[in-house]
Amino acid sequence: MTQCYFCSQNIKTVDYKDTETLKRFLSSQMKIYPRRKTHLCAKHQRQLKTAVKRARVEGLLPFIVS
């Protein structure tokens, strides 16, 4: 089994301003990949969800692809 990306990089919290890292876990339609595809631990998957939603509200990430 592969290890969580954030655990392996020693990243404690997921930053919503780091859009390049967040885009790695989004599909081409800007949907958040499920845990079975991202291979994140439960803690970081929850943080990723919150960070993506915050980045969308702040205007750093789009809600949908137009």
N, C-alpha and C. Protein backbone atom coordinates (compact mmCIF):
# COMPACT_ATOMS: atom_id res chain seq x y z
N MET A 1 0.85 -1.19 0.00
CA MET A 1 0.00 0.00 0.00
C MET A 1 0.88 1.24 0.00
N THR A 2 0.48 2.23 -0.77
CA THR A 2 1.27 3.46 -0.84
C THR A 2 0.98 4.34 0.37
N GLN A 3 1.96 5.15 0.70
CA GLN A 3 1.84 6.00 1.87
C GLN A 3 1.22 7.34 1.50
N CYS A 4 0.63 7.97 2.48
CA CYS A 4 0.02 9.29 2.32
C CYS A 4 1.08 10.30 1.86
N TYR A 5 0.73 11.13 0.87
CA TYR A 5 1.67 12.13 0.34
C TYR A 5 2.11 13.11 1.41
N PHE A 6 1.17 13.61 2.20
CA PHE A 6 1.50 14.62 3.20
C PHE A 6 2.30 14.02 4.36
N CYS A 7 2.01 12.79 4.73
CA CYS A 7 2.78 12.13 5.80
C CYS A 7 4.21 11.88 5.34
N SER A 8 4.38 11.45 4.09
CA SER A 8 5.71 11.14 3.59
C SER A 8 6.56 12.41 3.41
N GLN A 9 5.91 13.56 3.15
CA GLN A 9 6.63 14.82 2.99
C GLN A 9 6.75 15.60 4.31
N ASN A 10 6.27 15.02 5.41
CA ASN A 10 6.28 15.65 6.74
C ASN A 10 5.55 17.00 6.73
N ILE A 11 4.42 17.05 6.04
CA ILE A 11 3.57 18.24 6.01
C ILE A 11 2.48 18.02 7.05
N LYS A 12 2.43 18.89 8.06
CA LYS A 12 1.48 18.71 9.16
C LYS A 12 0.06 19.12 8.78
N THR A 13 -0.07 20.25 8.09
CA THR A 13 -1.40 20.73 7.68
C THR A 13 -1.39 21.05 6.20
N VAL A 14 -2.54 20.93 5.58
CA VAL A 14 -2.70 21.22 4.15
C VAL A 14 -3.03 22.70 4.02
N ASP A 15 -2.24 23.43 3.24
CA ASP A 15 -2.41 24.88 3.07
C ASP A 15 -3.30 25.15 1.86
N TYR A 16 -4.36 25.93 2.06
CA TYR A 16 -5.28 26.22 0.96
C TYR A 16 -4.65 27.16 -0.07
N LYS A 17 -3.59 27.87 0.28
CA LYS A 17 -2.95 28.80 -0.66
C LYS A 17 -1.98 28.08 -1.61
N ASP A 18 -1.63 26.85 -1.31
CA ASP A 18 -0.72 26.07 -2.15
C ASP A 18 -1.54 25.35 -3.22
N THR A 19 -1.93 26.09 -4.25
CA THR A 19 -2.85 25.55 -5.25
C THR A 19 -2.21 24.47 -6.13
N GLU A 20 -0.92 24.53 -6.34
CA GLU A 20 -0.26 23.51 -7.17
C GLU A 20 -0.37 22.13 -6.51
N THR A 21 -0.22 22.07 -5.21
CA THR A 21 -0.36 20.80 -4.50
C THR A 21 -1.81 20.36 -4.50
N LEU A 22 -2.74 21.29 -4.33
CA LEU A 22 -4.15 20.94 -4.30
C LEU A 22 -4.63 20.41 -5.65
N LYS A 23 -4.14 20.99 -6.75
CA LYS A 23 -4.55 20.56 -8.08
C LYS A 23 -4.16 19.12 -8.36
N ARG A 24 -3.17 18.64 -7.67
CA ARG A 24 -2.73 17.26 -7.81
C ARG A 24 -3.81 16.26 -7.41
N PHE A 25 -4.70 16.68 -6.54
CA PHE A 25 -5.74 15.81 -6.01
C PHE A 25 -7.12 16.13 -6.58
N LEU A 26 -7.16 16.89 -7.70
CA LEU A 26 -8.41 17.25 -8.36
C LEU A 26 -8.46 16.63 -9.75
N SER A 27 -9.65 16.24 -10.18
CA SER A 27 -9.82 15.68 -11.51
C SER A 27 -9.84 16.82 -12.54
N SER A 28 -9.98 16.46 -13.81
CA SER A 28 -10.02 17.48 -14.85
C SER A 28 -11.29 18.32 -14.78
N GLN A 29 -12.35 17.79 -14.13
CA GLN A 29 -13.57 18.56 -13.91
C GLN A 29 -13.55 19.30 -12.58
N MET A 30 -12.39 19.36 -11.93
CA MET A 30 -12.18 20.04 -10.64
C MET A 30 -12.91 19.36 -9.48
N LYS A 31 -13.15 18.06 -9.59
CA LYS A 31 -13.73 17.31 -8.49
C LYS A 31 -12.61 16.76 -7.62
N ILE A 32 -12.85 16.66 -6.33
CA ILE A 32 -11.85 16.11 -5.41
C ILE A 32 -11.86 14.60 -5.54
N TYR A 33 -10.68 14.02 -5.77
CA TYR A 33 -10.59 12.57 -5.87
C TYR A 33 -10.91 11.92 -4.54
N PRO A 34 -11.51 10.72 -4.55
CA PRO A 34 -11.76 10.00 -3.30
C PRO A 34 -10.47 9.45 -2.71
N ARG A 35 -10.57 9.00 -1.48
CA ARG A 35 -9.39 8.51 -0.75
C ARG A 35 -8.72 7.33 -1.43
N ARG A 36 -9.50 6.48 -2.05
CA ARG A 36 -8.93 5.29 -2.70
C ARG A 36 -8.06 5.66 -3.90
N LYS A 37 -8.28 6.86 -4.47
CA LYS A 37 -7.45 7.32 -5.59
C LYS A 37 -6.28 8.18 -5.13
N THR A 38 -6.49 8.98 -4.09
CA THR A 38 -5.43 9.88 -3.63
C THR A 38 -4.43 9.17 -2.73
N HIS A 39 -4.84 8.07 -2.11
CA HIS A 39 -3.99 7.31 -1.17
C HIS A 39 -3.57 8.17 0.03
N LEU A 40 -4.45 9.09 0.44
CA LEU A 40 -4.18 9.90 1.62
C LEU A 40 -4.75 9.21 2.85
N CYS A 41 -4.18 9.53 4.01
CA CYS A 41 -4.76 9.03 5.25
C CYS A 41 -6.04 9.83 5.52
N ALA A 42 -6.87 9.35 6.43
CA ALA A 42 -8.16 9.98 6.69
C ALA A 42 -7.99 11.42 7.17
N LYS A 43 -7.01 11.64 8.02
CA LYS A 43 -6.77 12.99 8.56
C LYS A 43 -6.45 13.99 7.45
N HIS A 44 -5.55 13.62 6.56
CA HIS A 44 -5.15 14.54 5.50
C HIS A 44 -6.20 14.65 4.41
N GLN A 45 -7.01 13.61 4.20
CA GLN A 45 -8.10 13.71 3.23
C GLN A 45 -9.13 14.74 3.70
N ARG A 46 -9.42 14.75 4.99
CA ARG A 46 -10.34 15.75 5.55
C ARG A 46 -9.76 17.15 5.43
N GLN A 47 -8.46 17.29 5.71
CA GLN A 47 -7.81 18.61 5.58
C GLN A 47 -7.78 19.06 4.12
N LEU A 48 -7.57 18.12 3.21
CA LEU A 48 -7.57 18.43 1.78
C LEU A 48 -8.94 18.96 1.35
N LYS A 49 -9.99 18.30 1.80
CA LYS A 49 -11.35 18.71 1.46
C LYS A 49 -11.60 20.15 1.91
N THR A 50 -11.24 20.45 3.14
CA THR A 50 -11.43 21.80 3.68
C THR A 50 -10.59 22.82 2.92
N ALA A 51 -9.35 22.47 2.61
CA ALA A 51 -8.45 23.39 1.92
C ALA A 51 -8.95 23.69 0.51
N VAL A 52 -9.43 22.68 -0.20
CA VAL A 52 -9.95 22.90 -1.55
C VAL A 52 -11.18 23.79 -1.51
N LYS A 53 -12.05 23.55 -0.56
CA LYS A 53 -13.26 24.37 -0.45
C LYS A 53 -12.92 25.82 -0.11
N ARG A 54 -11.95 26.02 0.77
CA ARG A 54 -11.52 27.39 1.09
C ARG A 54 -10.89 28.07 -0.11
N ALA A 55 -10.06 27.34 -0.85
CA ALA A 55 -9.40 27.91 -2.03
C ALA A 55 -10.43 28.28 -3.09
N ARG A 56 -11.50 27.51 -3.20
CA ARG A 56 -12.56 27.84 -4.16
C ARG A 56 -13.28 29.12 -3.76
N VAL A 57 -13.60 29.27 -2.49
CA VAL A 57 -14.30 30.46 -2.01
C VAL A 57 -13.42 31.70 -2.16
N GLU A 58 -12.11 31.55 -1.90
CA GLU A 58 -11.18 32.67 -2.02
C GLU A 58 -10.89 33.03 -3.48
N GLY A 59 -11.27 32.16 -4.41
CA GLY A 59 -11.04 32.44 -5.82
C GLY A 59 -9.72 31.91 -6.34
N LEU A 60 -9.04 31.08 -5.57
CA LEU A 60 -7.75 30.54 -6.01
C LEU A 60 -7.92 29.32 -6.92
N LEU A 61 -9.02 28.59 -6.73
CA LEU A 61 -9.35 27.44 -7.56
C LEU A 61 -10.77 27.63 -8.10
N PRO A 62 -11.02 27.18 -9.32
CA PRO A 62 -12.39 27.29 -9.85
C PRO A 62 -13.30 26.20 -9.27
N PHE A 63 -14.58 26.49 -9.23
CA PHE A 63 -15.56 25.49 -8.81
C PHE A 63 -15.74 24.44 -9.89
N ILE A 64 -15.85 24.91 -11.15
CA ILE A 64 -16.00 24.03 -12.30
C ILE A 64 -15.12 24.52 -13.43
N VAL A 65 -14.90 23.66 -14.42
CA VAL A 65 -14.14 24.06 -15.61
C VAL A 65 -15.14 24.63 -16.61
N SER A 66 -14.85 25.81 -17.11
CA SER A 66 -15.78 26.41 -18.06
C SER A 66 -15.28 26.29 -19.48
